[in-house]
Amino acid sequence: MAGNTFGNLFKLSTFGESHGAAIGGVLDGCPPGIEIDLEEIQNELNRRKPGQSAIVTQRKEPDTVEFYSGIFEGKTTGTPIGFAIHNTNQKSGDYSHIKDSYRPSHADYVYDKKYGFRDYRGGGRSSARETASRVVAGAIAKQFLSSMKINAFVSQVGGLKLEKNYQELDFSLIESNPVRCPDTEMAAKMEDYIKDVRKEGDTIGGVITCVIQNVPIGLGEPVFDKLHAELGKAMLSINAVKGFEYGSGFEGVMMKGSEHNDAFNPDGTTKTNFSGGIQGGISNGMDIYFNVAFKPVATVIQPYQTIDKEGNTVTTKGKGRHDPCVVPRAVPIVEAMTALVLADYFLLAKAINS
């Protein structure tokens, strides 16, 4: 299987399956001498881990990370950083009923057709549990990029949409509720809605907004390696993501060019920021902001029709522990992938300019 590595200079390779012994990764290219706060890395994992509230999957995993190389006396050595997170609460029997059939909108069918074999326990390699390794690497990238501020939050669940501009929000409120929405009134509505959907045995999608502040000018390349293109690739590599837009996004099509153009101030900043902090594929020093759309989780705890390996129509029902809405736990994943992209481009810019 190809495609297990992300990045060019700041490079992450991940391994493991949802119901295997462990998941983990190797982070290569992190410069030496970076002070690493292991407690903060664990805190990022705790934001992603299952069982943290009543509106997420109740799989109980401590998600404790163990480092095996690349960190000595609290600092990076410049060598590959190897780490693992052991799986401790697998219930593989929950998936025995789909051993010979395919769940709609999952990777089951295409995995079987592509590889001729699949790990049906929790989706194996296609499980969103793989993203825990990304969060570890992203937490290291955040500490490397300590001058930049990355804040992601839930801005929409189903039809409940936060209409406020991100500049009107208090990011310190993001972790004050299980939905991770920085508006307490909307967060309460979203939480109640997710609970209602869960009672129905169904799921719902949502949107995560990410804001990056204090970004230096010059990150990104102007042709194929545009900064927004790599951010889009990073976000679309996350399980259940169906859409990415940055800056004015799709709303920009309703504006005229004279309205959409970001006029300059004398110091090079812009009066507006419809460009989303990126022009010509290169960061311009303004805030970078984008939205990531997540589909409803495909596993519903309701009877449904599908096909088995022989093409016969069968009726089955989702079992096990699943998220009724993935976006609350996906917030740290979006931040992690953002940090990995920025770290990679920061090193690339430094290499070109040295």
Protein backbone atom coordinates (compact mmCIF):
# COMPACT_ATOMS: atom_id res chain seq x y z
CA MET A 1 0.00 0.00 0.00
CA ALA A 2 1.43 3.34 -1.06
CA GLY A 3 0.56 6.78 0.25
CA ASN A 4 1.47 6.44 3.94
CA THR A 5 3.80 9.47 4.01
CA PHE A 6 2.92 13.17 4.08
CA GLY A 7 5.29 16.10 3.57
CA ASN A 8 8.56 16.86 1.81
CA LEU A 9 11.11 18.12 4.34
CA PHE A 10 9.00 17.86 7.50
CA LYS A 11 7.78 14.36 6.74
CA LEU A 12 5.40 12.02 8.57
CA SER A 13 4.93 8.31 7.87
CA THR A 14 2.22 6.50 9.83
CA PHE A 15 1.53 2.81 10.49
CA GLY A 16 -1.00 0.57 12.17
CA GLU A 17 -4.67 -0.41 12.10
CA SER A 18 -7.67 0.42 14.25
CA HIS A 19 -7.78 -3.04 15.86
CA GLY A 20 -4.10 -3.96 15.61
CA ALA A 21 -1.60 -3.87 18.46
CA ALA A 22 -0.72 -0.21 17.97
CA ILE A 23 -0.73 2.77 15.66
CA GLY A 24 2.17 5.17 15.34
CA GLY A 25 4.53 7.02 13.10
CA VAL A 26 7.97 8.30 12.22
CA LEU A 27 8.45 12.05 11.91
CA ASP A 28 11.53 12.91 9.89
CA GLY A 29 13.05 16.31 9.17
CA CYS A 30 12.29 18.05 12.46
CA PRO A 31 15.25 20.35 13.19
CA PRO A 32 17.39 19.67 16.27
CA GLY A 33 17.19 21.68 19.47
CA ILE A 34 13.42 22.24 19.52
CA GLU A 35 12.15 22.14 23.10
CA ILE A 36 9.36 19.58 23.33
CA ASP A 37 6.57 19.70 25.90
CA LEU A 38 5.44 16.08 26.14
CA GLU A 39 2.48 17.03 28.32
CA GLU A 40 1.19 19.36 25.62
CA ILE A 41 1.47 16.58 23.02
CA GLN A 42 -0.61 14.33 25.27
CA ASN A 43 -3.11 17.14 25.74
CA GLU A 44 -3.58 17.36 21.96
CA LEU A 45 -4.21 13.61 21.87
CA ASN A 46 -6.74 13.94 24.69
CA ARG A 47 -8.68 16.42 22.54
CA ARG A 48 -8.96 13.78 19.80
CA LYS A 49 -9.36 10.59 21.83
CA PRO A 50 -12.64 8.64 21.96
CA GLY A 51 -14.89 8.53 25.02
CA GLN A 52 -14.28 12.15 26.05
CA SER A 53 -17.95 13.19 26.13
CA ALA A 54 -21.51 11.96 25.64
CA ILE A 55 -21.60 13.06 21.99
CA VAL A 56 -18.69 10.97 20.70
CA THR A 57 -17.84 7.28 20.35
CA GLN A 58 -17.63 5.54 23.73
CA ARG A 59 -14.57 3.46 22.85
CA LYS A 60 -12.30 3.90 25.89
CA GLU A 61 -8.73 4.45 24.77
CA PRO A 62 -6.19 6.37 26.87
CA ASP A 63 -4.27 7.20 23.68
CA THR A 64 -1.01 7.49 25.58
CA VAL A 65 1.89 8.15 23.23
CA GLU A 66 5.31 6.56 23.74
CA PHE A 67 8.41 8.03 22.07
CA TYR A 68 11.28 5.78 21.07
CA SER A 69 13.72 8.09 19.31
CA GLY A 70 14.50 11.64 18.22
CA ILE A 71 13.98 13.36 21.59
CA PHE A 72 16.68 13.60 24.27
CA GLU A 73 16.61 15.64 27.47
CA GLY A 74 13.48 17.43 26.34
CA LYS A 75 14.78 18.53 22.93
CA THR A 76 14.67 17.15 19.41
CA THR A 77 17.95 15.65 18.20
CA GLY A 78 17.30 16.08 14.48
CA THR A 79 17.01 12.32 13.98
CA PRO A 80 13.72 10.57 13.11
CA ILE A 81 11.16 10.80 15.91
CA GLY A 82 9.56 7.39 16.35
CA PHE A 83 6.41 6.94 18.44
CA ALA A 84 3.51 4.57 19.05
CA ILE A 85 0.06 4.59 20.64
CA HIS A 86 -1.03 1.14 21.81
CA ASN A 87 -4.61 0.03 21.22
CA THR A 88 -6.13 -1.24 24.48
CA ASN A 89 -9.91 -1.33 23.99
CA GLN A 90 -10.58 -3.13 20.72
CA LYS A 91 -13.88 -4.97 20.32
CA SER A 92 -13.22 -6.70 17.03
CA GLY A 93 -16.30 -8.89 17.45
CA ASP A 94 -18.43 -5.83 16.75
CA TYR A 95 -17.41 -6.16 13.10
CA SER A 96 -17.79 -9.91 12.51
CA HIS A 97 -21.19 -9.33 10.88
CA ILE A 98 -19.57 -7.38 8.00
CA LYS A 99 -16.76 -9.86 7.34
CA ASP A 100 -18.35 -10.91 4.05
CA SER A 101 -20.35 -7.78 3.18
CA TYR A 102 -19.65 -4.13 2.45
CA ARG A 103 -20.84 -1.12 4.44
CA PRO A 104 -22.27 1.65 2.23
CA SER A 105 -20.04 4.75 1.89
CA HIS A 106 -17.11 3.04 3.63
CA ALA A 107 -13.81 1.93 2.07
CA ASP A 108 -14.74 -1.77 2.42
CA TYR A 109 -15.69 -2.43 -1.21
CA VAL A 110 -12.87 -0.52 -2.90
CA TYR A 111 -10.25 -1.97 -0.51
CA ASP A 112 -11.37 -5.49 -1.36
CA LYS A 113 -11.34 -4.78 -5.09
CA LYS A 114 -7.99 -2.99 -5.03
CA TYR A 115 -6.03 -5.31 -2.71
CA GLY A 116 -8.02 -8.55 -2.83
CA PHE A 117 -8.02 -8.62 0.97
CA ARG A 118 -9.14 -6.31 3.77
CA ASP A 119 -9.05 -5.95 7.53
CA TYR A 120 -12.75 -5.63 8.31
CA ARG A 121 -12.17 -4.85 12.02
CA GLY A 122 -13.09 -1.21 12.31
CA GLY A 123 -11.97 -0.55 8.77
CA GLY A 124 -8.35 -1.46 9.45
CA ARG A 125 -6.03 1.10 7.87
CA SER A 126 -8.97 3.20 6.61
CA SER A 127 -10.16 3.85 10.17
CA ALA A 128 -10.07 7.43 11.44
CA ARG A 129 -8.06 6.08 14.37
CA GLU A 130 -5.00 6.52 12.13
CA THR A 131 -5.37 10.27 12.63
CA ALA A 132 -4.10 10.00 16.22
CA SER A 133 -0.60 9.63 14.74
CA ARG A 134 -1.14 12.84 12.78
CA VAL A 135 -2.10 14.65 15.98
CA VAL A 136 1.18 13.61 17.64
CA ALA A 137 3.24 14.88 14.70
CA GLY A 138 1.12 18.01 14.42
CA ALA A 139 1.64 18.77 18.10
CA ILE A 140 5.40 18.68 17.52
CA ALA A 141 5.00 20.91 14.46
CA LYS A 142 3.01 23.39 16.56
CA GLN A 143 5.87 23.64 19.04
CA PHE A 144 8.31 24.15 16.18
CA LEU A 145 6.05 26.93 14.85
CA SER A 146 5.38 28.49 18.26
CA SER A 147 5.14 32.03 16.87
CA MET A 148 2.18 31.09 14.65
CA LYS A 149 -1.26 30.60 16.18
CA ILE A 150 -3.52 27.86 14.82
CA ASN A 151 -7.13 27.72 16.06
CA ALA A 152 -9.79 25.43 14.63
CA PHE A 153 -13.38 25.23 15.82
CA VAL A 154 -16.77 23.79 14.89
CA SER A 155 -18.74 26.38 12.93
CA GLN A 156 -21.61 24.21 11.68
CA VAL A 157 -23.44 21.00 12.60
CA GLY A 158 -26.11 20.02 10.10
CA GLY A 159 -28.21 23.14 9.49
CA LEU A 160 -27.00 24.87 12.66
CA LYS A 161 -24.46 27.40 11.39
CA LEU A 162 -22.41 29.96 13.30
CA GLU A 163 -22.94 33.17 11.33
CA LYS A 164 -20.40 35.31 13.20
CA ASN A 165 -17.11 36.33 11.60
CA TYR A 166 -14.17 34.59 13.26
CA GLN A 167 -12.86 38.00 14.39
CA GLU A 168 -15.94 38.34 16.61
CA LEU A 169 -15.22 35.06 18.42
CA ASP A 170 -13.28 34.33 21.60
CA PHE A 171 -11.04 31.37 20.78
CA SER A 172 -10.50 30.71 24.50
CA LEU A 173 -14.07 29.33 24.57
CA ILE A 174 -13.37 26.58 22.03
CA GLU A 175 -12.50 24.01 24.71
CA SER A 176 -15.26 25.13 27.08
CA ASN A 177 -17.85 22.76 25.59
CA PRO A 178 -17.82 19.25 24.06
CA VAL A 179 -18.77 20.51 20.58
CA ARG A 180 -15.75 22.86 20.43
CA CYS A 181 -17.77 25.81 19.20
CA PRO A 182 -16.60 29.20 20.58
CA ASP A 183 -20.16 30.51 20.88
CA THR A 184 -21.78 29.07 24.01
CA GLU A 185 -25.38 29.56 22.86
CA MET A 186 -24.81 27.89 19.50
CA ALA A 187 -22.68 25.18 21.12
CA ALA A 188 -25.59 24.19 23.37
CA LYS A 189 -27.93 23.94 20.37
CA MET A 190 -25.39 21.84 18.45
CA GLU A 191 -24.87 19.51 21.41
CA ASP A 192 -28.63 18.94 21.85
CA TYR A 193 -29.01 18.28 18.12
CA ILE A 194 -26.17 15.72 18.05
CA LYS A 195 -27.73 13.91 21.03
CA ASP A 196 -31.11 13.80 19.26
CA VAL A 197 -29.53 12.42 16.09
CA ARG A 198 -27.71 9.79 18.12
CA LYS A 199 -30.96 8.63 19.75
CA GLU A 200 -32.32 8.04 16.25
CA GLY A 201 -29.37 5.75 15.51
CA ASP A 202 -28.28 8.21 12.84
CA THR A 203 -25.40 10.62 12.21
CA ILE A 204 -24.88 14.21 11.05
CA GLY A 205 -22.10 16.16 9.33
CA GLY A 206 -20.58 19.55 9.99
CA VAL A 207 -17.96 22.17 9.21
CA ILE A 208 -14.71 23.05 10.96
CA THR A 209 -13.22 26.51 10.47
CA CYS A 210 -9.48 27.02 10.95
CA VAL A 211 -7.70 30.34 11.47
CA ILE A 212 -3.91 30.77 11.25
CA GLN A 213 -2.43 34.00 12.62
CA ASN A 214 1.09 35.47 12.64
CA VAL A 215 2.02 33.71 9.40
CA PRO A 216 5.18 35.12 7.79
CA ILE A 217 5.09 36.39 4.22
CA GLY A 218 6.50 34.00 1.61
CA LEU A 219 5.32 30.49 2.47
CA GLY A 220 4.26 28.54 -0.63
CA GLU A 221 5.32 28.20 -4.25
CA PRO A 222 3.43 29.89 -7.10
CA VAL A 223 2.74 27.02 -9.51
CA PHE A 224 1.92 23.45 -8.46
CA ASP A 225 2.94 23.78 -4.80
CA LYS A 226 0.67 26.65 -3.84
CA LEU A 227 0.17 26.95 -0.07
CA HIS A 228 -3.62 26.69 -0.34
CA ALA A 229 -3.31 23.66 -2.62
CA GLU A 230 -1.25 21.81 -0.02
CA LEU A 231 -3.63 22.83 2.76
CA GLY A 232 -6.48 21.51 0.63
CA LYS A 233 -4.68 18.22 0.07
CA ALA A 234 -3.97 17.93 3.80
CA MET A 235 -7.59 18.52 4.76
CA LEU A 236 -9.00 16.23 2.06
CA SER A 237 -6.74 13.44 3.33
CA ILE A 238 -8.67 13.41 6.62
CA ASN A 239 -11.37 10.75 6.92
CA ALA A 240 -14.92 11.93 6.09
CA VAL A 241 -13.83 15.28 4.58
CA LYS A 242 -15.87 16.22 1.51
CA GLY A 243 -14.96 19.85 0.90
CA PHE A 244 -12.37 22.61 1.42
CA GLU A 245 -12.62 26.35 0.81
CA TYR A 246 -10.31 29.17 1.85
CA GLY A 247 -10.76 32.93 1.99
CA SER A 248 -14.03 34.04 0.42
CA GLY A 249 -14.45 30.53 -0.97
CA PHE A 250 -17.67 29.80 -2.85
CA GLU A 251 -19.30 32.97 -1.53
CA GLY A 252 -16.78 34.96 -3.58
CA VAL A 253 -18.49 34.03 -6.84
CA MET A 254 -21.34 36.41 -5.96
CA MET A 255 -19.00 39.42 -5.72
CA LYS A 256 -17.64 41.66 -8.46
CA GLY A 257 -13.89 42.01 -8.86
CA SER A 258 -14.00 45.59 -7.62
CA GLU A 259 -15.62 44.35 -4.42
CA HIS A 260 -13.46 41.26 -4.00
CA ASN A 261 -10.02 42.83 -4.53
CA ASP A 262 -8.05 43.33 -1.30
CA ALA A 263 -6.80 46.93 -1.41
CA PHE A 264 -3.35 47.55 0.09
CA ASN A 265 -2.44 49.63 3.12
CA PRO A 266 0.91 51.50 2.98
CA ASP A 267 2.57 48.81 5.13
CA GLY A 268 1.65 46.00 2.73
CA THR A 269 -1.29 44.66 4.73
CA THR A 270 -4.70 44.70 3.09
CA LYS A 271 -7.91 46.52 4.01
CA THR A 272 -9.94 43.37 3.44
CA ASN A 273 -8.89 39.73 3.39
CA PHE A 274 -11.03 37.92 0.84
CA SER A 275 -7.79 36.25 -0.34
CA GLY A 276 -7.64 34.36 2.95
CA GLY A 277 -4.03 35.31 3.61
CA ILE A 278 -2.76 33.69 0.41
CA GLN A 279 -2.14 35.38 -2.95
CA GLY A 280 -0.60 33.63 -5.94
CA GLY A 281 -0.16 30.54 -3.77
CA ILE A 282 2.08 32.45 -1.32
CA SER A 283 1.23 33.67 2.19
CA ASN A 284 0.93 37.47 2.37
CA GLY A 285 1.10 37.92 6.16
CA MET A 286 -2.64 38.31 6.69
CA ASP A 287 -4.69 35.72 8.60
CA ILE A 288 -5.20 32.48 6.73
CA TYR A 289 -8.68 31.05 7.21
CA PHE A 290 -10.52 28.13 5.65
CA ASN A 291 -13.49 25.79 6.08
CA VAL A 292 -13.46 22.00 6.02
CA ALA A 293 -16.72 20.10 5.39
CA PHE A 294 -17.23 16.66 6.98
CA LYS A 295 -19.90 14.23 5.81
CA PRO A 296 -22.20 12.38 8.22
CA VAL A 297 -20.45 9.32 9.66
CA ALA A 298 -21.25 6.41 7.37
CA THR A 299 -22.01 3.87 10.13
CA VAL A 300 -25.63 4.28 11.21
CA ILE A 301 -27.19 2.12 13.92
CA GLN A 302 -30.17 1.30 11.74
CA PRO A 303 -30.99 -1.61 9.41
CA TYR A 304 -29.74 -1.07 5.86
CA GLN A 305 -29.39 -2.97 2.62
CA THR A 306 -26.02 -3.72 1.04
CA ILE A 307 -24.28 -6.48 -0.94
CA ASP A 308 -21.97 -9.30 0.05
CA LYS A 309 -18.84 -10.56 -1.71
CA GLU A 310 -20.96 -12.61 -4.09
CA GLY A 311 -23.09 -9.63 -5.09
CA ASN A 312 -26.14 -10.83 -3.17
CA THR A 313 -28.37 -8.22 -1.52
CA VAL A 314 -28.28 -8.56 2.27
CA THR A 315 -29.76 -6.63 5.15
CA THR A 316 -27.61 -5.77 8.16
CA LYS A 317 -27.30 -3.14 10.88
CA GLY A 318 -24.46 -1.00 12.17
CA LYS A 319 -22.98 -2.16 15.47
CA GLY A 320 -20.25 -1.03 17.80
CA ARG A 321 -19.13 2.37 19.09
CA HIS A 322 -19.26 5.22 16.61
CA ASP A 323 -19.41 9.01 16.54
CA PRO A 324 -22.84 10.48 15.77
CA CYS A 325 -20.94 13.56 14.52
CA VAL A 326 -17.23 13.52 13.81
CA VAL A 327 -16.47 17.25 13.89
CA PRO A 328 -15.89 17.77 17.65
CA ARG A 329 -13.05 15.22 17.67
CA ALA A 330 -11.76 16.33 14.26
CA VAL A 331 -10.83 19.85 15.45
CA PRO A 332 -7.33 18.83 16.68
CA ILE A 333 -6.82 16.78 13.51
CA VAL A 334 -7.46 19.83 11.32
CA GLU A 335 -5.02 21.83 13.46
CA ALA A 336 -2.42 19.06 13.26
CA MET A 337 -2.53 18.77 9.47
CA THR A 338 -2.37 22.57 9.21
CA ALA A 339 0.75 22.62 11.39
CA LEU A 340 2.41 19.88 9.31
CA VAL A 341 1.86 21.86 6.11
CA LEU A 342 3.19 25.09 7.63
CA ALA A 343 6.26 23.37 9.11
CA ASP A 344 7.07 21.80 5.75
CA TYR A 345 6.76 25.11 3.89
CA PHE A 346 8.67 27.00 6.58
CA LEU A 347 11.64 24.63 6.18
CA LEU A 348 11.38 24.81 2.39
CA ALA A 349 11.44 28.63 2.47
CA LYS A 350 14.42 28.55 4.82
CA ALA A 351 16.28 26.12 2.54
CA ILE A 352 15.62 28.25 -0.56
CA ASN A 353 16.69 31.48 1.14
CA SER A 354 19.82 30.09 2.84
